[in-house]
Full PDB file with SEQRES, HELIX, SHEET, SSBOND, CRYST1, ORIGX, SCALE, CONECT and MASTER records, all heavy atoms in Angstrom:
SEQRES   1 A   45  ALA GLY GLU THR PHE LEU GLU TYR ASP GLY VAL SER LEU          
SEQRES   2 A   45  GLU THR GLY PRO LEU ASP GLU THR GLY LEU SER PRO ILE          
SEQRES   3 A   45  GLY VAL GLY ILE CYS LEU LEU GLU ALA ALA ALA GLU GLY          
SEQRES   4 A   45  PHE ILE ALA GLU SER GLY                                      
HELIX    1 AA1 PRO A   25  GLY A   27  5                                   3    
HELIX    2 AA2 VAL A   28  GLU A   38  1                                  11    
CRYST1    1.000    1.000    1.000  90.00  90.00  90.00 P 1           1          
ORIGX1      1.000000  0.000000  0.000000        0.00000                         
ORIGX2      0.000000  1.000000  0.000000        0.00000                         
ORIGX3      0.000000  0.000000  1.000000        0.00000                         
SCALE1      1.000000  0.000000  0.000000        0.00000                         
SCALE2      0.000000  1.000000  0.000000        0.00000                         
SCALE3      0.000000  0.000000  1.000000        0.00000                         
ATOM      1  N   ALA A   1      -5.816  -2.587 -13.029  1.00  0.00           N  
ATOM      2  CA  ALA A   1      -6.493  -3.888 -12.974  1.00  0.00           C  
ATOM      3  C   ALA A   1      -5.741  -4.884 -12.089  1.00  0.00           C  
ATOM      4  O   ALA A   1      -5.552  -6.042 -12.447  1.00  0.00           O  
ATOM      5  CB  ALA A   1      -6.670  -4.455 -14.384  1.00  0.00           C  
ATOM      6  N   GLY A   2      -5.298  -4.401 -10.921  1.00  0.00           N  
ATOM      7  CA  GLY A   2      -4.654  -5.283  -9.973  1.00  0.00           C  
ATOM      8  C   GLY A   2      -3.184  -5.534 -10.223  1.00  0.00           C  
ATOM      9  O   GLY A   2      -2.534  -6.246  -9.457  1.00  0.00           O  
ATOM     10  N   GLU A   3      -2.615  -4.976 -11.287  1.00  0.00           N  
ATOM     11  CA  GLU A   3      -1.204  -5.155 -11.584  1.00  0.00           C  
ATOM     12  C   GLU A   3      -0.451  -3.868 -11.308  1.00  0.00           C  
ATOM     13  O   GLU A   3      -0.957  -2.767 -11.537  1.00  0.00           O  
ATOM     14  CB  GLU A   3      -1.006  -5.560 -13.049  1.00  0.00           C  
ATOM     15  CG  GLU A   3      -1.630  -6.909 -13.386  1.00  0.00           C  
ATOM     16  CD  GLU A   3      -1.360  -7.306 -14.823  1.00  0.00           C  
ATOM     17  OE1 GLU A   3      -1.264  -6.395 -15.670  1.00  0.00           O  
ATOM     18  OE2 GLU A   3      -1.232  -8.503 -15.094  1.00  0.00           O  
ATOM     19  N   THR A   4       0.788  -3.988 -10.807  1.00  0.00           N  
ATOM     20  CA  THR A   4       1.595  -2.830 -10.472  1.00  0.00           C  
ATOM     21  C   THR A   4       2.843  -2.815 -11.344  1.00  0.00           C  
ATOM     22  O   THR A   4       3.542  -3.821 -11.465  1.00  0.00           O  
ATOM     23  CB  THR A   4       2.001  -2.846  -8.994  1.00  0.00           C  
ATOM     24  OG1 THR A   4       0.820  -2.888  -8.193  1.00  0.00           O  
ATOM     25  CG2 THR A   4       2.810  -1.605  -8.633  1.00  0.00           C  
ATOM     26  N   PHE A   5       3.128  -1.666 -11.934  1.00  0.00           N  
ATOM     27  CA  PHE A   5       4.308  -1.495 -12.765  1.00  0.00           C  
ATOM     28  C   PHE A   5       5.136  -0.348 -12.205  1.00  0.00           C  
ATOM     29  O   PHE A   5       4.608   0.728 -11.927  1.00  0.00           O  
ATOM     30  CB  PHE A   5       3.912  -1.172 -14.210  1.00  0.00           C  
ATOM     31  CG  PHE A   5       3.022  -2.197 -14.836  1.00  0.00           C  
ATOM     32  CD1 PHE A   5       1.636  -2.073 -14.742  1.00  0.00           C  
ATOM     33  CD2 PHE A   5       3.540  -3.296 -15.502  1.00  0.00           C  
ATOM     34  CE1 PHE A   5       0.795  -3.013 -15.314  1.00  0.00           C  
ATOM     35  CE2 PHE A   5       2.704  -4.244 -16.071  1.00  0.00           C  
ATOM     36  CZ  PHE A   5       1.333  -4.106 -15.985  1.00  0.00           C  
ATOM     37  N   LEU A   6       6.455  -0.578 -11.999  1.00  0.00           N  
ATOM     38  CA  LEU A   6       7.363   0.476 -11.579  1.00  0.00           C  
ATOM     39  C   LEU A   6       8.110   1.008 -12.796  1.00  0.00           C  
ATOM     40  O   LEU A   6       8.641   0.235 -13.586  1.00  0.00           O  
ATOM     41  CB  LEU A   6       8.372  -0.044 -10.552  1.00  0.00           C  
ATOM     42  CG  LEU A   6       7.891  -0.220  -9.112  1.00  0.00           C  
ATOM     43  CD1 LEU A   6       9.032  -0.750  -8.252  1.00  0.00           C  
ATOM     44  CD2 LEU A   6       7.364   1.071  -8.540  1.00  0.00           C  
ATOM     45  N   GLU A   7       8.117   2.332 -12.936  1.00  0.00           N  
ATOM     46  CA  GLU A   7       8.786   2.976 -14.047  1.00  0.00           C  
ATOM     47  C   GLU A   7       9.892   3.861 -13.501  1.00  0.00           C  
ATOM     48  O   GLU A   7       9.641   4.750 -12.686  1.00  0.00           O  
ATOM     49  CB  GLU A   7       7.784   3.816 -14.852  1.00  0.00           C  
ATOM     50  CG  GLU A   7       6.610   2.998 -15.368  1.00  0.00           C  
ATOM     51  CD  GLU A   7       5.488   3.864 -15.926  1.00  0.00           C  
ATOM     52  OE1 GLU A   7       5.607   5.105 -15.853  1.00  0.00           O  
ATOM     53  OE2 GLU A   7       4.508   3.296 -16.429  1.00  0.00           O  
ATOM     54  N   TYR A   8      11.137   3.627 -13.912  1.00  0.00           N  
ATOM     55  CA  TYR A   8      12.255   4.416 -13.400  1.00  0.00           C  
ATOM     56  C   TYR A   8      13.416   4.334 -14.375  1.00  0.00           C  
ATOM     57  O   TYR A   8      13.418   3.527 -15.312  1.00  0.00           O  
ATOM     58  CB  TYR A   8      12.687   3.930 -12.022  1.00  0.00           C  
ATOM     59  CG  TYR A   8      13.076   2.471 -11.956  1.00  0.00           C  
ATOM     60  CD1 TYR A   8      14.387   2.072 -12.171  1.00  0.00           C  
ATOM     61  CD2 TYR A   8      12.120   1.495 -11.686  1.00  0.00           C  
ATOM     62  CE1 TYR A   8      14.745   0.736 -12.117  1.00  0.00           C  
ATOM     63  CE2 TYR A   8      12.462   0.161 -11.625  1.00  0.00           C  
ATOM     64  CZ  TYR A   8      13.773  -0.220 -11.837  1.00  0.00           C  
ATOM     65  OH  TYR A   8      14.113  -1.545 -11.784  1.00  0.00           O  
ATOM     66  N   ASP A   9      14.435   5.171 -14.130  1.00  0.00           N  
ATOM     67  CA  ASP A   9      15.596   5.255 -15.009  1.00  0.00           C  
ATOM     68  C   ASP A   9      16.868   5.133 -14.180  1.00  0.00           C  
ATOM     69  O   ASP A   9      17.377   6.110 -13.651  1.00  0.00           O  
ATOM     70  CB  ASP A   9      15.589   6.590 -15.767  1.00  0.00           C  
ATOM     71  CG  ASP A   9      16.752   6.704 -16.750  1.00  0.00           C  
ATOM     72  OD1 ASP A   9      17.403   5.677 -17.027  1.00  0.00           O  
ATOM     73  OD2 ASP A   9      17.008   7.835 -17.221  1.00  0.00           O  
ATOM     74  N   GLY A  10      17.345   3.913 -14.038  1.00  0.00           N  
ATOM     75  CA  GLY A  10      18.628   3.700 -13.388  1.00  0.00           C  
ATOM     76  C   GLY A  10      18.638   3.781 -11.881  1.00  0.00           C  
ATOM     77  O   GLY A  10      19.702   3.805 -11.267  1.00  0.00           O  
ATOM     78  N   VAL A  11      17.481   3.845 -11.237  1.00  0.00           N  
ATOM     79  CA  VAL A  11      17.432   3.895  -9.782  1.00  0.00           C  
ATOM     80  C   VAL A  11      16.448   2.848  -9.284  1.00  0.00           C  
ATOM     81  O   VAL A  11      15.654   2.303 -10.051  1.00  0.00           O  
ATOM     82  CB  VAL A  11      17.001   5.291  -9.270  1.00  0.00           C  
ATOM     83  CG1 VAL A  11      18.067   6.318  -9.575  1.00  0.00           C  
ATOM     84  CG2 VAL A  11      15.677   5.715  -9.870  1.00  0.00           C  
ATOM     85  N   SER A  12      16.496   2.575  -7.989  1.00  0.00           N  
ATOM     86  CA  SER A  12      15.592   1.573  -7.416  1.00  0.00           C  
ATOM     87  C   SER A  12      15.000   2.109  -6.133  1.00  0.00           C  
ATOM     88  O   SER A  12      15.550   2.994  -5.488  1.00  0.00           O  
ATOM     89  CB  SER A  12      16.333   0.257  -7.135  1.00  0.00           C  
ATOM     90  OG  SER A  12      17.371   0.467  -6.204  1.00  0.00           O  
ATOM     91  N   LEU A  13      13.877   1.556  -5.755  1.00  0.00           N  
ATOM     92  CA  LEU A  13      13.142   1.980  -4.561  1.00  0.00           C  
ATOM     93  C   LEU A  13      12.860   0.776  -3.695  1.00  0.00           C  
ATOM     94  O   LEU A  13      12.425  -0.262  -4.188  1.00  0.00           O  
ATOM     95  CB  LEU A  13      11.824   2.655  -4.968  1.00  0.00           C  
ATOM     96  CG  LEU A  13      10.858   3.023  -3.849  1.00  0.00           C  
ATOM     97  CD1 LEU A  13      11.451   4.136  -2.996  1.00  0.00           C  
ATOM     98  CD2 LEU A  13       9.521   3.469  -4.427  1.00  0.00           C  
ATOM     99  N   GLU A  14      13.110   0.899  -2.389  1.00  0.00           N  
ATOM    100  CA  GLU A  14      12.802  -0.176  -1.444  1.00  0.00           C  
ATOM    101  C   GLU A  14      11.297  -0.347  -1.356  1.00  0.00           C  
ATOM    102  O   GLU A  14      10.585   0.538  -0.888  1.00  0.00           O  
ATOM    103  CB  GLU A  14      13.369   0.163  -0.066  1.00  0.00           C  
ATOM    104  CG  GLU A  14      12.913  -0.786   1.035  1.00  0.00           C  
ATOM    105  CD  GLU A  14      13.344  -2.202   0.803  1.00  0.00           C  
ATOM    106  OE1 GLU A  14      14.539  -2.485   0.968  1.00  0.00           O  
ATOM    107  OE2 GLU A  14      12.488  -3.030   0.447  1.00  0.00           O  
ATOM    108  N   THR A  15      10.794  -1.469  -1.849  1.00  0.00           N  
ATOM    109  CA  THR A  15       9.357  -1.732  -1.790  1.00  0.00           C  
ATOM    110  C   THR A  15       9.094  -3.092  -1.141  1.00  0.00           C  
ATOM    111  O   THR A  15       8.113  -3.741  -1.432  1.00  0.00           O  
ATOM    112  CB  THR A  15       8.714  -1.711  -3.196  1.00  0.00           C  
ATOM    113  OG1 THR A  15       9.371  -2.694  -4.023  1.00  0.00           O  
ATOM    114  CG2 THR A  15       8.847  -0.349  -3.831  1.00  0.00           C  
ATOM    115  N   GLY A  16      10.024  -3.511  -0.296  1.00  0.00           N  
ATOM    116  CA  GLY A  16       9.822  -4.770   0.409  1.00  0.00           C  
ATOM    117  C   GLY A  16       8.586  -4.715   1.289  1.00  0.00           C  
ATOM    118  O   GLY A  16       8.146  -3.644   1.686  1.00  0.00           O  
ATOM    119  N   PRO A  17       8.006  -5.870   1.597  1.00  0.00           N  
ATOM    120  CA  PRO A  17       6.765  -5.891   2.370  1.00  0.00           C  
ATOM    121  C   PRO A  17       6.978  -5.447   3.807  1.00  0.00           C  
ATOM    122  O   PRO A  17       7.984  -5.761   4.432  1.00  0.00           O  
ATOM    123  CB  PRO A  17       6.330  -7.360   2.298  1.00  0.00           C  
ATOM    124  CG  PRO A  17       7.599  -8.117   2.068  1.00  0.00           C  
ATOM    125  CD  PRO A  17       8.461  -7.222   1.228  1.00  0.00           C  
ATOM    126  N   LEU A  18       6.008  -4.671   4.326  1.00  0.00           N  
ATOM    127  CA  LEU A  18       6.029  -4.249   5.722  1.00  0.00           C  
ATOM    128  C   LEU A  18       5.330  -5.252   6.622  1.00  0.00           C  
ATOM    129  O   LEU A  18       5.499  -5.234   7.833  1.00  0.00           O  
ATOM    130  CB  LEU A  18       5.351  -2.882   5.857  1.00  0.00           C  
ATOM    131  CG  LEU A  18       6.124  -1.703   5.249  1.00  0.00           C  
ATOM    132  CD1 LEU A  18       5.201  -0.519   5.055  1.00  0.00           C  
ATOM    133  CD2 LEU A  18       7.294  -1.328   6.121  1.00  0.00           C  
ATOM    134  N   ASP A  19       4.488  -6.107   6.052  1.00  0.00           N  
ATOM    135  CA  ASP A  19       3.818  -7.135   6.840  1.00  0.00           C  
ATOM    136  C   ASP A  19       3.548  -8.326   5.949  1.00  0.00           C  
ATOM    137  O   ASP A  19       3.902  -8.356   4.771  1.00  0.00           O  
ATOM    138  CB  ASP A  19       2.531  -6.603   7.484  1.00  0.00           C  
ATOM    139  CG  ASP A  19       1.468  -6.223   6.461  1.00  0.00           C  
ATOM    140  OD1 ASP A  19       1.659  -6.489   5.255  1.00  0.00           O  
ATOM    141  OD2 ASP A  19       0.446  -5.659   6.860  1.00  0.00           O  
ATOM    142  N   GLU A  20       2.923  -9.359   6.535  1.00  0.00           N  
ATOM    143  CA  GLU A  20       2.718 -10.606   5.809  1.00  0.00           C  
ATOM    144  C   GLU A  20       1.741 -10.478   4.656  1.00  0.00           C  
ATOM    145  O   GLU A  20       1.667 -11.339   3.788  1.00  0.00           O  
ATOM    146  CB  GLU A  20       2.240 -11.704   6.773  1.00  0.00           C  
ATOM    147  CG  GLU A  20       0.832 -11.523   7.332  1.00  0.00           C  
ATOM    148  CD  GLU A  20       0.786 -10.538   8.493  1.00  0.00           C  
ATOM    149  OE1 GLU A  20       1.848 -10.015   8.882  1.00  0.00           O  
ATOM    150  OE2 GLU A  20      -0.327 -10.284   9.008  1.00  0.00           O  
ATOM    151  N   THR A  21       0.971  -9.389   4.598  1.00  0.00           N  
ATOM    152  CA  THR A  21       0.026  -9.195   3.494  1.00  0.00           C  
ATOM    153  C   THR A  21       0.692  -8.638   2.251  1.00  0.00           C  
ATOM    154  O   THR A  21       0.059  -8.533   1.206  1.00  0.00           O  
ATOM    155  CB  THR A  21      -1.108  -8.236   3.914  1.00  0.00           C  
ATOM    156  OG1 THR A  21      -0.564  -6.919   4.115  1.00  0.00           O  
ATOM    157  CG2 THR A  21      -1.779  -8.703   5.192  1.00  0.00           C  
ATOM    158  N   GLY A  22       1.972  -8.258   2.363  1.00  0.00           N  
ATOM    159  CA  GLY A  22       2.675  -7.721   1.207  1.00  0.00           C  
ATOM    160  C   GLY A  22       2.601  -6.219   1.082  1.00  0.00           C  
ATOM    161  O   GLY A  22       3.019  -5.654   0.074  1.00  0.00           O  
ATOM    162  N   LEU A  23       2.082  -5.527   2.101  1.00  0.00           N  
ATOM    163  CA  LEU A  23       2.018  -4.072   2.062  1.00  0.00           C  
ATOM    164  C   LEU A  23       3.419  -3.496   1.912  1.00  0.00           C  
ATOM    165  O   LEU A  23       4.337  -3.874   2.618  1.00  0.00           O  
ATOM    166  CB  LEU A  23       1.384  -3.543   3.346  1.00  0.00           C  
ATOM    167  CG  LEU A  23       1.402  -2.021   3.538  1.00  0.00           C  
ATOM    168  CD1 LEU A  23       0.506  -1.346   2.507  1.00  0.00           C  
ATOM    169  CD2 LEU A  23       0.969  -1.664   4.947  1.00  0.00           C  
ATOM    170  N   SER A  24       3.599  -2.556   0.973  1.00  0.00           N  
ATOM    171  CA  SER A  24       4.884  -1.905   0.768  1.00  0.00           C  
ATOM    172  C   SER A  24       4.698  -0.397   0.838  1.00  0.00           C  
ATOM    173  O   SER A  24       3.572   0.101   0.717  1.00  0.00           O  
ATOM    174  CB  SER A  24       5.479  -2.315  -0.583  1.00  0.00           C  
ATOM    175  OG  SER A  24       4.715  -1.783  -1.650  1.00  0.00           O  
ATOM    176  N   PRO A  25       5.783   0.377   1.011  1.00  0.00           N  
ATOM    177  CA  PRO A  25       5.640   1.839   1.131  1.00  0.00           C  
ATOM    178  C   PRO A  25       4.915   2.474  -0.045  1.00  0.00           C  
ATOM    179  O   PRO A  25       4.149   3.417   0.130  1.00  0.00           O  
ATOM    180  CB  PRO A  25       7.096   2.312   1.216  1.00  0.00           C  
ATOM    181  CG  PRO A  25       7.837   1.157   1.784  1.00  0.00           C  
ATOM    182  CD  PRO A  25       7.163  -0.065   1.229  1.00  0.00           C  
ATOM    183  N   ILE A  26       5.135   1.958  -1.242  1.00  0.00           N  
ATOM    184  CA  ILE A  26       4.542   2.568  -2.427  1.00  0.00           C  
ATOM    185  C   ILE A  26       3.024   2.469  -2.410  1.00  0.00           C  
ATOM    186  O   ILE A  26       2.325   3.275  -3.024  1.00  0.00           O  
ATOM    187  CB  ILE A  26       5.109   1.905  -3.712  1.00  0.00           C  
ATOM    188  CG1 ILE A  26       5.000   2.857  -4.905  1.00  0.00           C  
ATOM    189  CG2 ILE A  26       4.456   0.581  -3.997  1.00  0.00           C  
ATOM    190  CD1 ILE A  26       6.016   3.949  -4.925  1.00  0.00           C  
ATOM    191  N   GLY A  27       2.474   1.490  -1.676  1.00  0.00           N  
ATOM    192  CA  GLY A  27       1.035   1.287  -1.675  1.00  0.00           C  
ATOM    193  C   GLY A  27       0.321   1.775  -0.436  1.00  0.00           C  
ATOM    194  O   GLY A  27      -0.887   1.537  -0.275  1.00  0.00           O  
ATOM    195  N   VAL A  28       1.042   2.501   0.440  1.00  0.00           N  
ATOM    196  CA  VAL A  28       0.456   2.910   1.718  1.00  0.00           C  
ATOM    197  C   VAL A  28      -0.746   3.833   1.523  1.00  0.00           C  
ATOM    198  O   VAL A  28      -1.778   3.687   2.181  1.00  0.00           O  
ATOM    199  CB  VAL A  28       1.529   3.580   2.595  1.00  0.00           C  
ATOM    200  CG1 VAL A  28       0.881   4.346   3.736  1.00  0.00           C  
ATOM    201  CG2 VAL A  28       2.483   2.531   3.147  1.00  0.00           C  
ATOM    202  N   GLY A  29      -0.635   4.816   0.629  1.00  0.00           N  
ATOM    203  CA  GLY A  29      -1.746   5.747   0.411  1.00  0.00           C  
ATOM    204  C   GLY A  29      -3.016   5.040  -0.012  1.00  0.00           C  
ATOM    205  O   GLY A  29      -4.119   5.343   0.478  1.00  0.00           O  
ATOM    206  N   ILE A  30      -2.871   4.083  -0.912  1.00  0.00           N  
ATOM    207  CA  ILE A  30      -4.032   3.313  -1.375  1.00  0.00           C  
ATOM    208  C   ILE A  30      -4.611   2.499  -0.228  1.00  0.00           C  
ATOM    209  O   ILE A  30      -5.840   2.413  -0.059  1.00  0.00           O  
ATOM    210  CB  ILE A  30      -3.630   2.396  -2.538  1.00  0.00           C  
ATOM    211  CG1 ILE A  30      -3.189   3.242  -3.738  1.00  0.00           C  
ATOM    212  CG2 ILE A  30      -4.775   1.470  -2.934  1.00  0.00           C  
ATOM    213  CD1 ILE A  30      -2.623   2.437  -4.871  1.00  0.00           C  
ATOM    214  N   CYS A  31      -3.749   1.898   0.583  1.00  0.00           N  
ATOM    215  CA  CYS A  31      -4.208   1.102   1.725  1.00  0.00           C  
ATOM    216  C   CYS A  31      -5.033   1.952   2.687  1.00  0.00           C  
ATOM    217  O   CYS A  31      -6.084   1.514   3.170  1.00  0.00           O  
ATOM    218  CB  CYS A  31      -3.003   0.502   2.437  1.00  0.00           C  
ATOM    219  SG  CYS A  31      -3.415  -0.465   3.913  1.00  0.00           S  
ATOM    220  N   LEU A  32      -4.597   3.184   2.942  1.00  0.00           N  
ATOM    221  CA  LEU A  32      -5.323   4.055   3.862  1.00  0.00           C  
ATOM    222  C   LEU A  32      -6.683   4.447   3.290  1.00  0.00           C  
ATOM    223  O   LEU A  32      -7.685   4.509   4.018  1.00  0.00           O  
ATOM    224  CB  LEU A  32      -4.496   5.301   4.163  1.00  0.00           C  
ATOM    225  CG  LEU A  32      -3.176   5.066   4.910  1.00  0.00           C  
ATOM    226  CD1 LEU A  32      -2.442   6.384   5.084  1.00  0.00           C  
ATOM    227  CD2 LEU A  32      -3.406   4.391   6.249  1.00  0.00           C  
ATOM    228  N   LEU A  33      -6.753   4.717   1.982  1.00  0.00           N  
ATOM    229  CA  LEU A  33      -8.031   5.050   1.364  1.00  0.00           C  
ATOM    230  C   LEU A  33      -8.992   3.866   1.428  1.00  0.00           C  
ATOM    231  O   LEU A  33     -10.195   4.040   1.654  1.00  0.00           O  
ATOM    232  CB  LEU A  33      -7.819   5.479  -0.089  1.00  0.00           C  
ATOM    233  CG  LEU A  33      -7.163   6.844  -0.295  1.00  0.00           C  
ATOM    234  CD1 LEU A  33      -6.883   7.073  -1.778  1.00  0.00           C  
ATOM    235  CD2 LEU A  33      -8.038   7.965   0.254  1.00  0.00           C  
ATOM    236  N   GLU A  34      -8.477   2.665   1.222  1.00  0.00           N  
ATOM    237  CA  GLU A  34      -9.329   1.475   1.314  1.00  0.00           C  
ATOM    238  C   GLU A  34      -9.851   1.289   2.731  1.00  0.00           C  
ATOM    239  O   GLU A  34     -11.014   0.920   2.937  1.00  0.00           O  
ATOM    240  CB  GLU A  34      -8.547   0.246   0.862  1.00  0.00           C  
ATOM    241  CG  GLU A  34      -8.253   0.225  -0.641  1.00  0.00           C  
ATOM    242  CD  GLU A  34      -7.412  -0.964  -1.056  1.00  0.00           C  
ATOM    243  OE1 GLU A  34      -6.838  -1.632  -0.159  1.00  0.00           O  
ATOM    244  OE2 GLU A  34      -7.313  -1.223  -2.268  1.00  0.00           O  
ATOM    245  N   ALA A  35      -8.995   1.543   3.725  1.00  0.00           N  
ATOM    246  CA  ALA A  35      -9.443   1.433   5.111  1.00  0.00           C  
ATOM    247  C   ALA A  35     -10.523   2.461   5.419  1.00  0.00           C  
ATOM    248  O   ALA A  35     -11.502   2.167   6.119  1.00  0.00           O  
ATOM    249  CB  ALA A  35      -8.255   1.611   6.060  1.00  0.00           C  
ATOM    250  N   ALA A  36     -10.360   3.682   4.881  1.00  0.00           N  
ATOM    251  CA  ALA A  36     -11.354   4.733   5.115  1.00  0.00           C  
ATOM    252  C   ALA A  36     -12.714   4.347   4.552  1.00  0.00           C  
ATOM    253  O   ALA A  36     -13.757   4.658   5.137  1.00  0.00           O  
ATOM    254  CB  ALA A  36     -10.887   6.048   4.496  1.00  0.00           C  
ATOM    255  N   ALA A  37     -12.725   3.661   3.417  1.00  0.00           N  
ATOM    256  CA  ALA A  37     -13.982   3.319   2.751  1.00  0.00           C  
ATOM    257  C   ALA A  37     -14.585   2.009   3.240  1.00  0.00           C  
ATOM    258  O   ALA A  37     -15.803   1.878   3.321  1.00  0.00           O  
ATOM    259  CB  ALA A  37     -13.770   3.246   1.234  1.00  0.00           C  
ATOM    260  N   GLU A  38     -13.729   1.033   3.589  1.00  0.00           N  
ATOM    261  CA  GLU A  38     -14.256  -0.313   3.802  1.00  0.00           C  
ATOM    262  C   GLU A  38     -13.740  -1.012   5.052  1.00  0.00           C  
ATOM    263  O   GLU A  38     -14.195  -2.107   5.375  1.00  0.00           O  
ATOM    264  CB  GLU A  38     -13.925  -1.185   2.580  1.00  0.00           C  
ATOM    265  CG  GLU A  38     -14.492  -0.647   1.271  1.00  0.00           C  
ATOM    266  CD  GLU A  38     -14.065  -1.460   0.068  1.00  0.00           C  
ATOM    267  OE1 GLU A  38     -13.324  -2.449   0.253  1.00  0.00           O  
ATOM    268  OE2 GLU A  38     -14.456  -1.105  -1.054  1.00  0.00           O  
ATOM    269  N   GLY A  39     -12.772  -0.419   5.756  1.00  0.00           N  
ATOM    270  CA  GLY A  39     -12.196  -1.104   6.905  1.00  0.00           C  
ATOM    271  C   GLY A  39     -13.186  -1.268   8.046  1.00  0.00           C  
ATOM    272  O   GLY A  39     -14.066  -0.424   8.254  1.00  0.00           O  
ATOM    273  N   PHE A  40     -13.028  -2.342   8.803  1.00  0.00           N  
ATOM    274  CA  PHE A  40     -13.872  -2.568   9.971  1.00  0.00           C  
ATOM    275  C   PHE A  40     -13.462  -1.587  11.065  1.00  0.00           C  
ATOM    276  O   PHE A  40     -12.303  -1.560  11.495  1.00  0.00           O  
ATOM    277  CB  PHE A  40     -13.732  -4.006  10.479  1.00  0.00           C  
ATOM    278  CG  PHE A  40     -14.497  -4.272  11.748  1.00  0.00           C  
ATOM    279  CD1 PHE A  40     -15.858  -4.554  11.705  1.00  0.00           C  
ATOM    280  CD2 PHE A  40     -13.866  -4.216  12.981  1.00  0.00           C  
ATOM    281  CE1 PHE A  40     -16.574  -4.790  12.877  1.00  0.00           C  
ATOM    282  CE2 PHE A  40     -14.569  -4.448  14.158  1.00  0.00           C  
ATOM    283  CZ  PHE A  40     -15.926  -4.733  14.096  1.00  0.00           C  
ATOM    284  N   ILE A  41     -14.401  -0.754  11.508  1.00  0.00           N  
ATOM    285  CA  ILE A  41     -14.110   0.292  12.485  1.00  0.00           C  
ATOM    286  C   ILE A  41     -14.255  -0.278  13.894  1.00  0.00           C  
ATOM    287  O   ILE A  41     -15.357  -0.565  14.351  1.00  0.00           O  
ATOM    288  CB  ILE A  41     -15.034   1.500  12.288  1.00  0.00           C  
ATOM    289  CG1 ILE A  41     -14.857   2.077  10.878  1.00  0.00           C  
ATOM    290  CG2 ILE A  41     -14.742   2.578  13.338  1.00  0.00           C  
ATOM    291  CD1 ILE A  41     -15.852   3.151  10.523  1.00  0.00           C  
ATOM    292  N   ALA A  42     -13.114  -0.433  14.564  1.00  0.00           N  
ATOM    293  CA  ALA A  42     -13.122  -0.986  15.913  1.00  0.00           C  
ATOM    294  C   ALA A  42     -13.254   0.088  16.976  1.00  0.00           C  
ATOM    295  O   ALA A  42     -13.814  -0.159  18.045  1.00  0.00           O  
ATOM    296  CB  ALA A  42     -11.840  -1.793  16.151  1.00  0.00           C  
ATOM    297  N   GLU A  43     -12.729   1.291  16.706  1.00  0.00           N  
ATOM    298  CA  GLU A  43     -12.791   2.382  17.666  1.00  0.00           C  
ATOM    299  C   GLU A  43     -12.959   3.698  16.908  1.00  0.00           C  
ATOM    300  O   GLU A  43     -12.503   3.839  15.772  1.00  0.00           O  
ATOM    301  CB  GLU A  43     -11.502   2.460  18.505  1.00  0.00           C  
ATOM    302  CG  GLU A  43     -11.206   1.228  19.340  1.00  0.00           C  
ATOM    303  CD  GLU A  43      -9.876   1.346  20.077  1.00  0.00           C  
ATOM    304  OE1 GLU A  43      -9.327   2.479  20.129  1.00  0.00           O  
ATOM    305  OE2 GLU A  43      -9.395   0.320  20.570  1.00  0.00           O  
ATOM    306  N   SER A  44     -13.595   4.669  17.545  1.00  0.00           N  
ATOM    307  CA  SER A  44     -13.726   6.004  16.954  1.00  0.00           C  
ATOM    308  C   SER A  44     -13.809   7.034  18.070  1.00  0.00           C  
ATOM    309  O   SER A  44     -14.274   6.745  19.177  1.00  0.00           O  
ATOM    310  CB  SER A  44     -14.967   6.091  16.063  1.00  0.00           C  
ATOM    311  OG  SER A  44     -16.152   5.880  16.808  1.00  0.00           O  
ATOM    312  N   GLY A  45     -13.344   8.233  17.781  1.00  0.00           N  
ATOM    313  CA  GLY A  45     -13.408   9.294  18.781  1.00  0.00           C  
ATOM    314  C   GLY A  45     -12.771  10.558  18.249  1.00  0.00           C  
ATOM    315  O   GLY A  45     -12.120  10.555  17.199  1.00  0.00           O  
TER     316      GLY A  45                                                      
MASTER        0    0    0    2    0    0    0    6  315    1    0    4          
END                                                                             
């Protein structure tokens, strides 16, 4: 429901933002699926 929870035991993961929208490595797969379904297609081939 729009909330993200990290679960781990004594370790940490770099999840700093890659751009101004807050995209982080942990969310890349979801971002790509959203682009596939709803992104504005500027080029194709």
